[in-house]
């Protein structure tokens, strides 16, 4: 990945967006002023060409944009990270709202822990109106519900709220197909013996509601992307083993997410109500992993939201 330079801002914030403005507006509204105050740069990976407003140069002076029409969010995050100049690279999503002190907290956390290659935070649910939204959130972000505490972990938050030292990313080989999936990045760093941490001071709200059809498709494409892009890291035997284990994934993933939520001593009634939807969505994910293990990622990365 991109080699760190001798000078640059303390922090680069990378956000990918595949939709036209104002999809990105709530995220930038939460992010822009605090990024300026912290001396950070904001890098937008634009897959639509109109992810920013026509007056972006006036409203967001100094914002950097990397445009690749039709690119997937994974590809756009990779391009954004490649363009980043900061000592620290923070990643969030276009449908997330970082806390007002998120940029300052990221800089402080990395300065306090120079040994950490990656530091993740907590993720709160902002889409609370439907059980399908809760089910999708519990599966993807249940382990990162606040409070997450602080300390070294083997698993940290992914693209909703994660930060890296750019030098640590530079030590990794380029991702397959030029598409960055934070799950694989974190696993690669851990395999190299690098330290992963969580910090409760890093907070973000994930606010996404796609309905039953959209959420189901998203979990399928996420599963296929994970398994398909893992081909570059896995041996044929590992691919066969993981593909054969796909039928067990719904129960495994639902149980894992449920334990994480129960451990937080919150949202328990909602969790029980959402369990049938969670089993359905993890079945969609498992089907995606099975297809990805056999046929690769296909077009699934470009169909992620």
C-alpha atoms as a PDB file:
ATOM      1  CA  UNK A   1       0.000   0.000   0.000  1.00  0.00           C
ATOM      2  CA  UNK A   2       0.911   3.678  -0.046  1.00  0.00           C
ATOM      3  CA  UNK A   3       4.318   4.498   1.460  1.00  0.00           C
ATOM      4  CA  UNK A   4       4.204   7.058   4.282  1.00  0.00           C
ATOM      5  CA  UNK A   5       5.926  10.357   3.599  1.00  0.00           C
ATOM      6  CA  UNK A   6       7.964  12.496   5.958  1.00  0.00           C
ATOM      7  CA  UNK A   7       5.319  15.194   6.293  1.00  0.00           C
ATOM      8  CA  UNK A   8       1.577  15.362   6.214  1.00  0.00           C
ATOM      9  CA  UNK A   9      -1.472  15.930   8.388  1.00  0.00           C
ATOM     10  CA  UNK A  10      -1.754  13.971  11.634  1.00  0.00           C
ATOM     11  CA  UNK A  11      -4.883  12.234  10.386  1.00  0.00           C
ATOM     12  CA  UNK A  12      -6.543  11.333   7.098  1.00  0.00           C
ATOM     13  CA  UNK A  13     -10.235  10.396   7.154  1.00  0.00           C
ATOM     14  CA  UNK A  14     -11.325   8.182   4.257  1.00  0.00           C
ATOM     15  CA  UNK A  15     -15.000   7.869   3.305  1.00  0.00           C
ATOM     16  CA  UNK A  16     -16.320   5.992   0.269  1.00  0.00           C
ATOM     17  CA  UNK A  17     -19.612   6.944  -1.378  1.00  0.00           C
ATOM     18  CA  UNK A  18     -21.273   5.396  -4.426  1.00  0.00           C
ATOM     19  CA  UNK A  19     -24.404   7.573  -4.390  1.00  0.00           C
ATOM     20  CA  UNK A  20     -24.987  11.193  -5.455  1.00  0.00           C
ATOM     21  CA  UNK A  21     -25.210  14.040  -2.977  1.00  0.00           C
ATOM     22  CA  UNK A  22     -26.839  14.403  -0.441  1.00  0.00           C
ATOM     23  CA  UNK A  23     -26.201  10.754   0.571  1.00  0.00           C
ATOM     24  CA  UNK A  24     -22.896  11.837   2.090  1.00  0.00           C
ATOM     25  CA  UNK A  25     -24.192  15.014   3.732  1.00  0.00           C
ATOM     26  CA  UNK A  26     -24.971  13.674   7.259  1.00  0.00           C
ATOM     27  CA  UNK A  27     -21.523  12.076   7.504  1.00  0.00           C
ATOM     28  CA  UNK A  28     -19.699  15.201   6.321  1.00  0.00           C
ATOM     29  CA  UNK A  29     -21.841  17.402   8.571  1.00  0.00           C
ATOM     30  CA  UNK A  30     -20.665  15.363  11.561  1.00  0.00           C
ATOM     31  CA  UNK A  31     -17.076  15.196  10.357  1.00  0.00           C
ATOM     32  CA  UNK A  32     -15.980  18.381   8.617  1.00  0.00           C
ATOM     33  CA  UNK A  33     -15.632  20.970  11.384  1.00  0.00           C
ATOM     34  CA  UNK A  34     -13.886  18.594  13.769  1.00  0.00           C
ATOM     35  CA  UNK A  35     -11.504  17.430  11.031  1.00  0.00           C
ATOM     36  CA  UNK A  36     -10.539  21.044  10.323  1.00  0.00           C
ATOM     37  CA  UNK A  37     -10.054  21.721  14.031  1.00  0.00           C
ATOM     38  CA  UNK A  38      -7.787  18.679  14.358  1.00  0.00           C
ATOM     39  CA  UNK A  39      -5.710  19.578  11.284  1.00  0.00           C
ATOM     40  CA  UNK A  40      -6.925  16.437   9.531  1.00  0.00           C
ATOM     41  CA  UNK A  41      -7.627  15.921   5.853  1.00  0.00           C
ATOM     42  CA  UNK A  42     -10.794  14.316   4.491  1.00  0.00           C
ATOM     43  CA  UNK A  43     -10.517  12.065   1.437  1.00  0.00           C
ATOM     44  CA  UNK A  44     -13.734  11.062  -0.334  1.00  0.00           C
ATOM     45  CA  UNK A  45     -13.731   8.079  -2.663  1.00  0.00           C
ATOM     46  CA  UNK A  46     -16.441   9.004  -5.178  1.00  0.00           C
ATOM     47  CA  UNK A  47     -17.903   6.178  -7.240  1.00  0.00           C
ATOM     48  CA  UNK A  48     -20.751   8.232  -8.662  1.00  0.00           C
ATOM     49  CA  UNK A  49     -18.980  11.403  -9.772  1.00  0.00           C
ATOM     50  CA  UNK A  50     -21.547  13.529  -7.927  1.00  0.00           C
ATOM     51  CA  UNK A  51     -21.040  12.342  -4.356  1.00  0.00           C
ATOM     52  CA  UNK A  52     -20.210  15.952  -3.416  1.00  0.00           C
ATOM     53  CA  UNK A  53     -22.327  19.074  -4.039  1.00  0.00           C
ATOM     54  CA  UNK A  54     -21.510  21.475  -6.907  1.00  0.00           C
ATOM     55  CA  UNK A  55     -20.199  24.025  -4.407  1.00  0.00           C
ATOM     56  CA  UNK A  56     -17.965  21.524  -2.621  1.00  0.00           C
ATOM     57  CA  UNK A  57     -14.837  23.642  -3.132  1.00  0.00           C
ATOM     58  CA  UNK A  58     -16.488  26.479  -1.210  1.00  0.00           C
ATOM     59  CA  UNK A  59     -18.259  24.425   1.444  1.00  0.00           C
ATOM     60  CA  UNK A  60     -15.373  22.003   2.049  1.00  0.00           C
ATOM     61  CA  UNK A  61     -12.156  23.800   1.094  1.00  0.00           C
ATOM     62  CA  UNK A  62      -9.214  21.438   0.976  1.00  0.00           C
ATOM     63  CA  UNK A  63     -11.330  18.287   0.820  1.00  0.00           C
ATOM     64  CA  UNK A  64      -9.699  15.735  -1.476  1.00  0.00           C
ATOM     65  CA  UNK A  65     -11.734  13.594  -3.851  1.00  0.00           C
ATOM     66  CA  UNK A  66     -10.736  10.452  -5.718  1.00  0.00           C
ATOM     67  CA  UNK A  67     -13.195   9.586  -8.490  1.00  0.00           C
ATOM     68  CA  UNK A  68     -13.631   6.215 -10.161  1.00  0.00           C
ATOM     69  CA  UNK A  69     -17.040   5.835 -11.772  1.00  0.00           C
ATOM     70  CA  UNK A  70     -18.765   2.580 -10.889  1.00  0.00           C
ATOM     71  CA  UNK A  71     -16.127   1.510  -8.367  1.00  0.00           C
ATOM     72  CA  UNK A  72     -17.166  -0.563  -5.369  1.00  0.00           C
ATOM     73  CA  UNK A  73     -16.926   0.819  -1.819  1.00  0.00           C
ATOM     74  CA  UNK A  74     -14.023  -1.574  -1.252  1.00  0.00           C
ATOM     75  CA  UNK A  75     -12.185  -0.176  -4.268  1.00  0.00           C
ATOM     76  CA  UNK A  76     -12.949   3.412  -3.267  1.00  0.00           C
ATOM     77  CA  UNK A  77     -11.614   2.882   0.256  1.00  0.00           C
ATOM     78  CA  UNK A  78      -8.432   1.408  -1.192  1.00  0.00           C
ATOM     79  CA  UNK A  79      -8.018   4.411  -3.495  1.00  0.00           C
ATOM     80  CA  UNK A  80      -8.710   6.762  -0.589  1.00  0.00           C
ATOM     81  CA  UNK A  81      -6.120   5.074   1.588  1.00  0.00           C
ATOM     82  CA  UNK A  82      -3.619   5.204  -1.258  1.00  0.00           C
ATOM     83  CA  UNK A  83      -4.205   8.957  -1.570  1.00  0.00           C
ATOM     84  CA  UNK A  84      -4.083   9.595   2.183  1.00  0.00           C
ATOM     85  CA  UNK A  85      -1.145  11.607   3.514  1.00  0.00           C
ATOM     86  CA  UNK A  86      -1.795  11.396   7.252  1.00  0.00           C
ATOM     87  CA  UNK A  87       0.267   9.527   9.795  1.00  0.00           C
ATOM     88  CA  UNK A  88      -3.028   7.931  10.882  1.00  0.00           C
ATOM     89  CA  UNK A  89      -5.761   6.770   8.500  1.00  0.00           C
ATOM     90  CA  UNK A  90      -9.318   6.680   9.862  1.00  0.00           C
ATOM     91  CA  UNK A  91     -12.122   4.970   7.963  1.00  0.00           C
ATOM     92  CA  UNK A  92     -15.857   5.362   8.291  1.00  0.00           C
ATOM     93  CA  UNK A  93     -18.862   4.917   5.991  1.00  0.00           C
ATOM     94  CA  UNK A  94     -21.072   7.407   4.200  1.00  0.00           C
ATOM     95  CA  UNK A  95     -24.058   6.320   6.316  1.00  0.00           C
ATOM     96  CA  UNK A  96     -22.171   6.763   9.612  1.00  0.00           C
ATOM     97  CA  UNK A  97     -21.962   9.783  11.888  1.00  0.00           C
ATOM     98  CA  UNK A  98     -18.733   9.999  13.874  1.00  0.00           C
ATOM     99  CA  UNK A  99     -18.927  11.487  17.360  1.00  0.00           C
ATOM    100  CA  UNK A 100     -18.019  15.211  17.628  1.00  0.00           C
ATOM    101  CA  UNK A 101     -14.587  14.403  19.090  1.00  0.00           C
ATOM    102  CA  UNK A 102     -13.842  11.423  16.822  1.00  0.00           C
ATOM    103  CA  UNK A 103     -10.873  12.947  14.971  1.00  0.00           C
ATOM    104  CA  UNK A 104      -9.224  14.235  18.137  1.00  0.00           C
ATOM    105  CA  UNK A 105      -9.845  10.896  19.879  1.00  0.00           C
ATOM    106  CA  UNK A 106      -8.208   8.975  17.003  1.00  0.00           C
ATOM    107  CA  UNK A 107      -5.094  11.135  17.110  1.00  0.00           C
ATOM    108  CA  UNK A 108      -4.874  10.898  20.907  1.00  0.00           C
ATOM    109  CA  UNK A 109      -5.372   7.125  20.922  1.00  0.00           C
ATOM    110  CA  UNK A 110      -2.600   6.463  18.413  1.00  0.00           C
ATOM    111  CA  UNK A 111      -0.195   8.828  20.144  1.00  0.00           C
ATOM    112  CA  UNK A 112      -0.893   7.113  23.469  1.00  0.00           C
ATOM    113  CA  UNK A 113      -0.363   3.662  21.906  1.00  0.00           C
ATOM    114  CA  UNK A 114       2.461   3.793  19.377  1.00  0.00           C
ATOM    115  CA  UNK A 115       2.617  -0.007  19.414  1.00  0.00           C
ATOM    116  CA  UNK A 116      -0.919  -0.352  17.985  1.00  0.00           C
ATOM    117  CA  UNK A 117      -1.186  -0.867  14.227  1.00  0.00           C
ATOM    118  CA  UNK A 118      -4.970  -0.493  14.311  1.00  0.00           C
ATOM    119  CA  UNK A 119      -7.429   0.950  16.803  1.00  0.00           C
ATOM    120  CA  UNK A 120     -11.164   0.428  16.526  1.00  0.00           C
ATOM    121  CA  UNK A 121     -13.993   2.003  18.432  1.00  0.00           C
ATOM    122  CA  UNK A 122     -17.645   1.433  19.242  1.00  0.00           C
ATOM    123  CA  UNK A 123     -20.592   1.469  16.854  1.00  0.00           C
ATOM    124  CA  UNK A 124     -24.111   2.486  17.896  1.00  0.00           C
ATOM    125  CA  UNK A 125     -27.259   1.738  15.892  1.00  0.00           C
ATOM    126  CA  UNK A 126     -28.986   4.761  14.387  1.00  0.00           C
ATOM    127  CA  UNK A 127     -31.638   2.808  12.431  1.00  0.00           C
ATOM    128  CA  UNK A 128     -34.004   1.632  15.149  1.00  0.00           C
ATOM    129  CA  UNK A 129     -37.378   1.625  13.425  1.00  0.00           C
ATOM    130  CA  UNK A 130     -37.528  -1.954  12.091  1.00  0.00           C
ATOM    131  CA  UNK A 131     -36.417  -5.353  13.356  1.00  0.00           C
ATOM    132  CA  UNK A 132     -34.670  -6.140  10.060  1.00  0.00           C
ATOM    133  CA  UNK A 133     -32.444  -3.114  10.646  1.00  0.00           C
ATOM    134  CA  UNK A 134     -31.668  -4.244  14.189  1.00  0.00           C
ATOM    135  CA  UNK A 135     -30.960  -7.784  12.950  1.00  0.00           C
ATOM    136  CA  UNK A 136     -28.501  -6.558  10.340  1.00  0.00           C
ATOM    137  CA  UNK A 137     -26.856  -4.260  12.855  1.00  0.00           C
ATOM    138  CA  UNK A 138     -26.485  -6.964  15.524  1.00  0.00           C
ATOM    139  CA  UNK A 139     -24.817  -9.306  13.021  1.00  0.00           C
ATOM    140  CA  UNK A 140     -22.370  -6.759  11.640  1.00  0.00           C
ATOM    141  CA  UNK A 141     -21.728  -4.597  14.699  1.00  0.00           C
ATOM    142  CA  UNK A 142     -23.005  -6.421  17.780  1.00  0.00           C
ATOM    143  CA  UNK A 143     -19.482  -7.084  19.118  1.00  0.00           C
ATOM    144  CA  UNK A 144     -18.758  -3.341  18.917  1.00  0.00           C
ATOM    145  CA  UNK A 145     -21.792  -1.980  20.729  1.00  0.00           C
ATOM    146  CA  UNK A 146     -20.727   0.484  23.403  1.00  0.00           C
ATOM    147  CA  UNK A 147     -19.206   0.210  25.841  1.00  0.00           C
ATOM    148  CA  UNK A 148     -16.286  -1.642  24.247  1.00  0.00           C
ATOM    149  CA  UNK A 149     -13.743  -0.777  26.931  1.00  0.00           C
ATOM    150  CA  UNK A 150     -10.112  -0.197  26.057  1.00  0.00           C
ATOM    151  CA  UNK A 151      -7.282  -2.622  25.475  1.00  0.00           C
ATOM    152  CA  UNK A 152      -5.759  -5.100  23.066  1.00  0.00           C
ATOM    153  CA  UNK A 153      -8.187  -7.325  21.153  1.00  0.00           C
ATOM    154  CA  UNK A 154      -8.104  -9.955  18.435  1.00  0.00           C
ATOM    155  CA  UNK A 155     -11.216  -8.426  16.821  1.00  0.00           C
ATOM    156  CA  UNK A 156     -11.967  -4.728  16.346  1.00  0.00           C
ATOM    157  CA  UNK A 157     -14.553  -2.667  14.484  1.00  0.00           C
ATOM    158  CA  UNK A 158     -14.402  -2.636  10.713  1.00  0.00           C
ATOM    159  CA  UNK A 159     -15.205   0.047   8.149  1.00  0.00           C
ATOM    160  CA  UNK A 160     -17.735   1.898  10.305  1.00  0.00           C
ATOM    161  CA  UNK A 161     -15.138   2.986  12.867  1.00  0.00           C
ATOM    162  CA  UNK A 162     -11.529   1.883  12.486  1.00  0.00           C
ATOM    163  CA  UNK A 163      -8.174   3.678  12.377  1.00  0.00           C
ATOM    164  CA  UNK A 164      -4.737   2.560  11.226  1.00  0.00           C
ATOM    165  CA  UNK A 165      -1.189   3.766  11.340  1.00  0.00           C
ATOM    166  CA  UNK A 166      -0.381   4.402   7.700  1.00  0.00           C
ATOM    167  CA  UNK A 167       3.043   2.811   8.136  1.00  0.00           C
ATOM    168  CA  UNK A 168       1.334  -0.436   9.200  1.00  0.00           C
ATOM    169  CA  UNK A 169      -0.853  -0.423   6.093  1.00  0.00           C
ATOM    170  CA  UNK A 170       2.207   0.272   3.926  1.00  0.00           C
ATOM    171  CA  UNK A 171       3.794  -2.965   5.171  1.00  0.00           C
ATOM    172  CA  UNK A 172       0.939  -5.066   3.756  1.00  0.00           C
ATOM    173  CA  UNK A 173       0.803  -6.383   0.190  1.00  0.00           C
ATOM    174  CA  UNK A 174      -1.732  -4.744  -2.129  1.00  0.00           C
ATOM    175  CA  UNK A 175      -5.188  -6.249  -1.640  1.00  0.00           C
ATOM    176  CA  UNK A 176      -6.579  -8.571  -4.322  1.00  0.00           C
ATOM    177  CA  UNK A 177      -8.347  -6.783  -7.170  1.00  0.00           C
ATOM    178  CA  UNK A 178      -7.336  -3.476  -5.555  1.00  0.00           C
ATOM    179  CA  UNK A 179     -10.309  -3.736  -3.175  1.00  0.00           C
ATOM    180  CA  UNK A 180      -9.742  -3.134   0.530  1.00  0.00           C
ATOM    181  CA  UNK A 181     -11.768  -5.189   3.004  1.00  0.00           C
ATOM    182  CA  UNK A 182     -10.987  -4.195   6.581  1.00  0.00           C
ATOM    183  CA  UNK A 183     -11.710  -7.704   7.886  1.00  0.00           C
ATOM    184  CA  UNK A 184      -8.855  -9.077   5.803  1.00  0.00           C
ATOM    185  CA  UNK A 185      -6.603  -6.117   6.643  1.00  0.00           C
ATOM    186  CA  UNK A 186      -7.106  -6.677  10.374  1.00  0.00           C
ATOM    187  CA  UNK A 187      -6.490 -10.407  10.024  1.00  0.00           C
ATOM    188  CA  UNK A 188      -3.313  -9.750   8.019  1.00  0.00           C
ATOM    189  CA  UNK A 189      -1.999  -7.341  10.649  1.00  0.00           C
ATOM    190  CA  UNK A 190      -2.744  -9.830  13.416  1.00  0.00           C
ATOM    191  CA  UNK A 191      -0.984 -12.603  11.454  1.00  0.00           C
ATOM    192  CA  UNK A 192       2.119 -10.384  11.364  1.00  0.00           C
ATOM    193  CA  UNK A 193       2.002 -10.060  15.127  1.00  0.00           C
ATOM    194  CA  UNK A 194       0.832  -6.448  15.065  1.00  0.00           C
ATOM    195  CA  UNK A 195      -1.226  -5.058  17.929  1.00  0.00           C
ATOM    196  CA  UNK A 196      -4.951  -4.364  17.501  1.00  0.00           C
ATOM    197  CA  UNK A 197      -6.740  -2.259  20.135  1.00  0.00           C
ATOM    198  CA  UNK A 198     -10.167  -0.949  20.967  1.00  0.00           C
ATOM    199  CA  UNK A 199     -10.780   2.435  22.572  1.00  0.00           C
ATOM    200  CA  UNK A 200     -14.121   3.468  24.022  1.00  0.00           C
ATOM    201  CA  UNK A 201     -13.354   7.098  23.149  1.00  0.00           C
ATOM    202  CA  UNK A 202     -13.783   6.343  19.427  1.00  0.00           C
ATOM    203  CA  UNK A 203     -17.536   6.441  18.858  1.00  0.00           C
ATOM    204  CA  UNK A 204     -19.693   6.391  15.739  1.00  0.00           C
ATOM    205  CA  UNK A 205     -23.348   5.878  14.848  1.00  0.00           C
ATOM    206  CA  UNK A 206     -24.243   3.514  11.988  1.00  0.00           C
ATOM    207  CA  UNK A 207     -27.510   4.625  10.373  1.00  0.00           C
ATOM    208  CA  UNK A 208     -28.657   2.446   7.477  1.00  0.00           C
ATOM    209  CA  UNK A 209     -32.109   1.096   6.607  1.00  0.00           C
ATOM    210  CA  UNK A 210     -32.403  -0.924   3.393  1.00  0.00           C
ATOM    211  CA  UNK A 211     -35.578  -2.949   3.973  1.00  0.00           C
ATOM    212  CA  UNK A 212     -35.854  -6.728   3.938  1.00  0.00           C
ATOM    213  CA  UNK A 213     -34.826  -7.186   0.306  1.00  0.00           C
ATOM    214  CA  UNK A 214     -31.920  -4.744   0.406  1.00  0.00           C
ATOM    215  CA  UNK A 215     -30.599  -6.009   3.732  1.00  0.00           C
ATOM    216  CA  UNK A 216     -30.834  -9.638   2.602  1.00  0.00           C
ATOM    217  CA  UNK A 217     -28.975  -8.863  -0.628  1.00  0.00           C
ATOM    218  CA  UNK A 218     -26.362  -6.902   1.292  1.00  0.00           C
ATOM    219  CA  UNK A 219     -25.587  -9.823   3.573  1.00  0.00           C
ATOM    220  CA  UNK A 220     -25.330 -12.207   0.603  1.00  0.00           C
ATOM    221  CA  UNK A 221     -22.943  -9.904  -1.244  1.00  0.00           C
ATOM    222  CA  UNK A 222     -20.928  -9.285   1.901  1.00  0.00           C
ATOM    223  CA  UNK A 223     -20.511 -13.032   2.412  1.00  0.00           C
ATOM    224  CA  UNK A 224     -19.509 -13.580  -1.200  1.00  0.00           C
ATOM    225  CA  UNK A 225     -17.061 -10.669  -1.083  1.00  0.00           C
ATOM    226  CA  UNK A 226     -15.436 -11.953   2.107  1.00  0.00           C
ATOM    227  CA  UNK A 227     -15.038 -15.495   0.779  1.00  0.00           C
ATOM    228  CA  UNK A 228     -14.138 -14.472  -2.766  1.00  0.00           C
ATOM    229  CA  UNK A 229     -11.441 -11.978  -1.776  1.00  0.00           C
ATOM    230  CA  UNK A 230     -10.094 -14.432   0.800  1.00  0.00           C
ATOM    231  CA  UNK A 231      -9.006 -16.649  -2.105  1.00  0.00           C
ATOM    232  CA  UNK A 232      -5.834 -14.561  -2.393  1.00  0.00           C
ATOM    233  CA  UNK A 233      -4.880 -15.440   1.196  1.00  0.00           C
ATOM    234  CA  UNK A 234      -6.206 -18.992   1.538  1.00  0.00           C
ATOM    235  CA  UNK A 235      -4.866 -22.317   0.332  1.00  0.00           C
ATOM    236  CA  UNK A 236      -7.147 -24.574  -1.758  1.00  0.00           C
ATOM    237  CA  UNK A 237      -7.695 -26.760   1.293  1.00  0.00           C
ATOM    238  CA  UNK A 238      -8.724 -23.790   3.416  1.00  0.00           C
ATOM    239  CA  UNK A 239     -11.120 -22.654   0.717  1.00  0.00           C
ATOM    240  CA  UNK A 240     -12.627 -26.162   0.577  1.00  0.00           C
ATOM    241  CA  UNK A 241     -12.895 -26.330   4.364  1.00  0.00           C
ATOM    242  CA  UNK A 242     -14.544 -22.937   4.657  1.00  0.00           C
ATOM    243  CA  UNK A 243     -16.926 -23.671   1.820  1.00  0.00           C
ATOM    244  CA  UNK A 244     -17.940 -26.969   3.399  1.00  0.00           C
ATOM    245  CA  UNK A 245     -18.553 -25.182   6.695  1.00  0.00           C
ATOM    246  CA  UNK A 246     -20.922 -22.615   5.169  1.00  0.00           C
ATOM    247  CA  UNK A 247     -24.122 -24.508   6.157  1.00  0.00           C
ATOM    248  CA  UNK A 248     -23.191 -24.147   9.842  1.00  0.00           C
ATOM    249  CA  UNK A 249     -22.581 -20.393   9.583  1.00  0.00           C
ATOM    250  CA  UNK A 250     -26.144 -19.193  10.321  1.00  0.00           C
ATOM    251  CA  UNK A 251     -26.157 -20.741  13.790  1.00  0.00           C
ATOM    252  CA  UNK A 252     -22.521 -19.859  14.474  1.00  0.00           C
ATOM    253  CA  UNK A 253     -22.848 -16.214  13.431  1.00  0.00           C
ATOM    254  CA  UNK A 254     -26.202 -15.711  15.143  1.00  0.00           C
ATOM    255  CA  UNK A 255     -24.910 -17.236  18.384  1.00  0.00           C
ATOM    256  CA  UNK A 256     -21.724 -15.145  18.250  1.00  0.00           C
ATOM    257  CA  UNK A 257     -23.614 -11.907  17.679  1.00  0.00           C
ATOM    258  CA  UNK A 258     -26.162 -12.743  20.363  1.00  0.00           C
ATOM    259  CA  UNK A 259     -23.491 -13.445  22.963  1.00  0.00           C
ATOM    260  CA  UNK A 260     -21.833 -10.121  22.199  1.00  0.00           C
ATOM    261  CA  UNK A 261     -25.085  -8.192  22.636  1.00  0.00           C
ATOM    262  CA  UNK A 262     -26.031 -10.064  25.815  1.00  0.00           C
ATOM    263  CA  UNK A 263     -22.617  -9.300  27.273  1.00  0.00           C
ATOM    264  CA  UNK A 264     -23.395  -5.578  26.967  1.00  0.00           C
ATOM    265  CA  UNK A 265     -26.519  -6.003  29.150  1.00  0.00           C
ATOM    266  CA  UNK A 266     -28.587  -3.899  26.779  1.00  0.00           C
ATOM    267  CA  UNK A 267     -31.115  -4.282  23.928  1.00  0.00           C
ATOM    268  CA  UNK A 268     -31.972  -7.791  25.116  1.00  0.00           C
ATOM    269  CA  UNK A 269     -35.689  -7.633  24.310  1.00  0.00           C
ATOM    270  CA  UNK A 270     -34.917  -6.284  20.850  1.00  0.00           C
ATOM    271  CA  UNK A 271     -32.364  -9.062  20.343  1.00  0.00           C
ATOM    272  CA  UNK A 272     -34.924 -11.781  21.132  1.00  0.00           C
ATOM    273  CA  UNK A 273     -37.449 -10.223  18.736  1.00  0.00           C
ATOM    274  CA  UNK A 274     -34.797  -9.943  16.007  1.00  0.00           C
ATOM    275  CA  UNK A 275     -33.525 -13.545  16.256  1.00  0.00           C
ATOM    276  CA  UNK A 276     -35.637 -14.955  13.365  1.00  0.00           C
ATOM    277  CA  UNK A 277     -34.474 -12.128  11.103  1.00  0.00           C
ATOM    278  CA  UNK A 278     -30.878 -12.697  12.241  1.00  0.00           C
ATOM    279  CA  UNK A 279     -31.086 -16.370  11.282  1.00  0.00           C
ATOM    280  CA  UNK A 280     -32.425 -15.375   7.868  1.00  0.00           C
ATOM    281  CA  UNK A 281     -29.700 -12.798   7.250  1.00  0.00           C
ATOM    282  CA  UNK A 282     -26.912 -15.111   8.392  1.00  0.00           C
ATOM    283  CA  UNK A 283     -28.319 -17.721   5.997  1.00  0.00           C
ATOM    284  CA  UNK A 284     -28.009 -15.142   3.213  1.00  0.00           C
ATOM    285  CA  UNK A 285     -24.440 -14.494   4.326  1.00  0.00           C
ATOM    286  CA  UNK A 286     -23.655 -18.218   4.388  1.00  0.00           C
ATOM    287  CA  UNK A 287     -25.030 -18.652   0.863  1.00  0.00           C
ATOM    288  CA  UNK A 288     -22.766 -15.820  -0.244  1.00  0.00           C
ATOM    289  CA  UNK A 289     -19.728 -17.392   1.391  1.00  0.00           C
ATOM    290  CA  UNK A 290     -20.455 -20.710  -0.306  1.00  0.00           C
ATOM    291  CA  UNK A 291     -20.736 -19.084  -3.728  1.00  0.00           C
ATOM    292  CA  UNK A 292     -17.655 -16.934  -3.106  1.00  0.00           C
ATOM    293  CA  UNK A 293     -15.561 -19.920  -2.039  1.00  0.00           C
ATOM    294  CA  UNK A 294     -16.410 -21.675  -5.302  1.00  0.00           C
ATOM    295  CA  UNK A 295     -16.691 -18.898  -7.855  1.00  0.00           C
ATOM    296  CA  UNK A 296     -14.877 -15.926  -6.334  1.00  0.00           C
ATOM    297  CA  UNK A 297     -16.303 -12.498  -5.498  1.00  0.00           C
ATOM    298  CA  UNK A 298     -17.925 -11.838  -8.863  1.00  0.00           C
ATOM    299  CA  UNK A 299     -19.704  -8.467  -8.902  1.00  0.00           C
ATOM    300  CA  UNK A 300     -20.587  -8.622  -5.199  1.00  0.00           C
ATOM    301  CA  UNK A 301     -18.059  -5.985  -4.005  1.00  0.00           C
ATOM    302  CA  UNK A 302     -19.652  -3.410  -6.318  1.00  0.00           C
ATOM    303  CA  UNK A 303     -23.099  -4.236  -4.920  1.00  0.00           C
ATOM    304  CA  UNK A 304     -22.245  -3.476  -1.319  1.00  0.00           C
ATOM    305  CA  UNK A 305     -23.695  -0.326   0.268  1.00  0.00           C
END
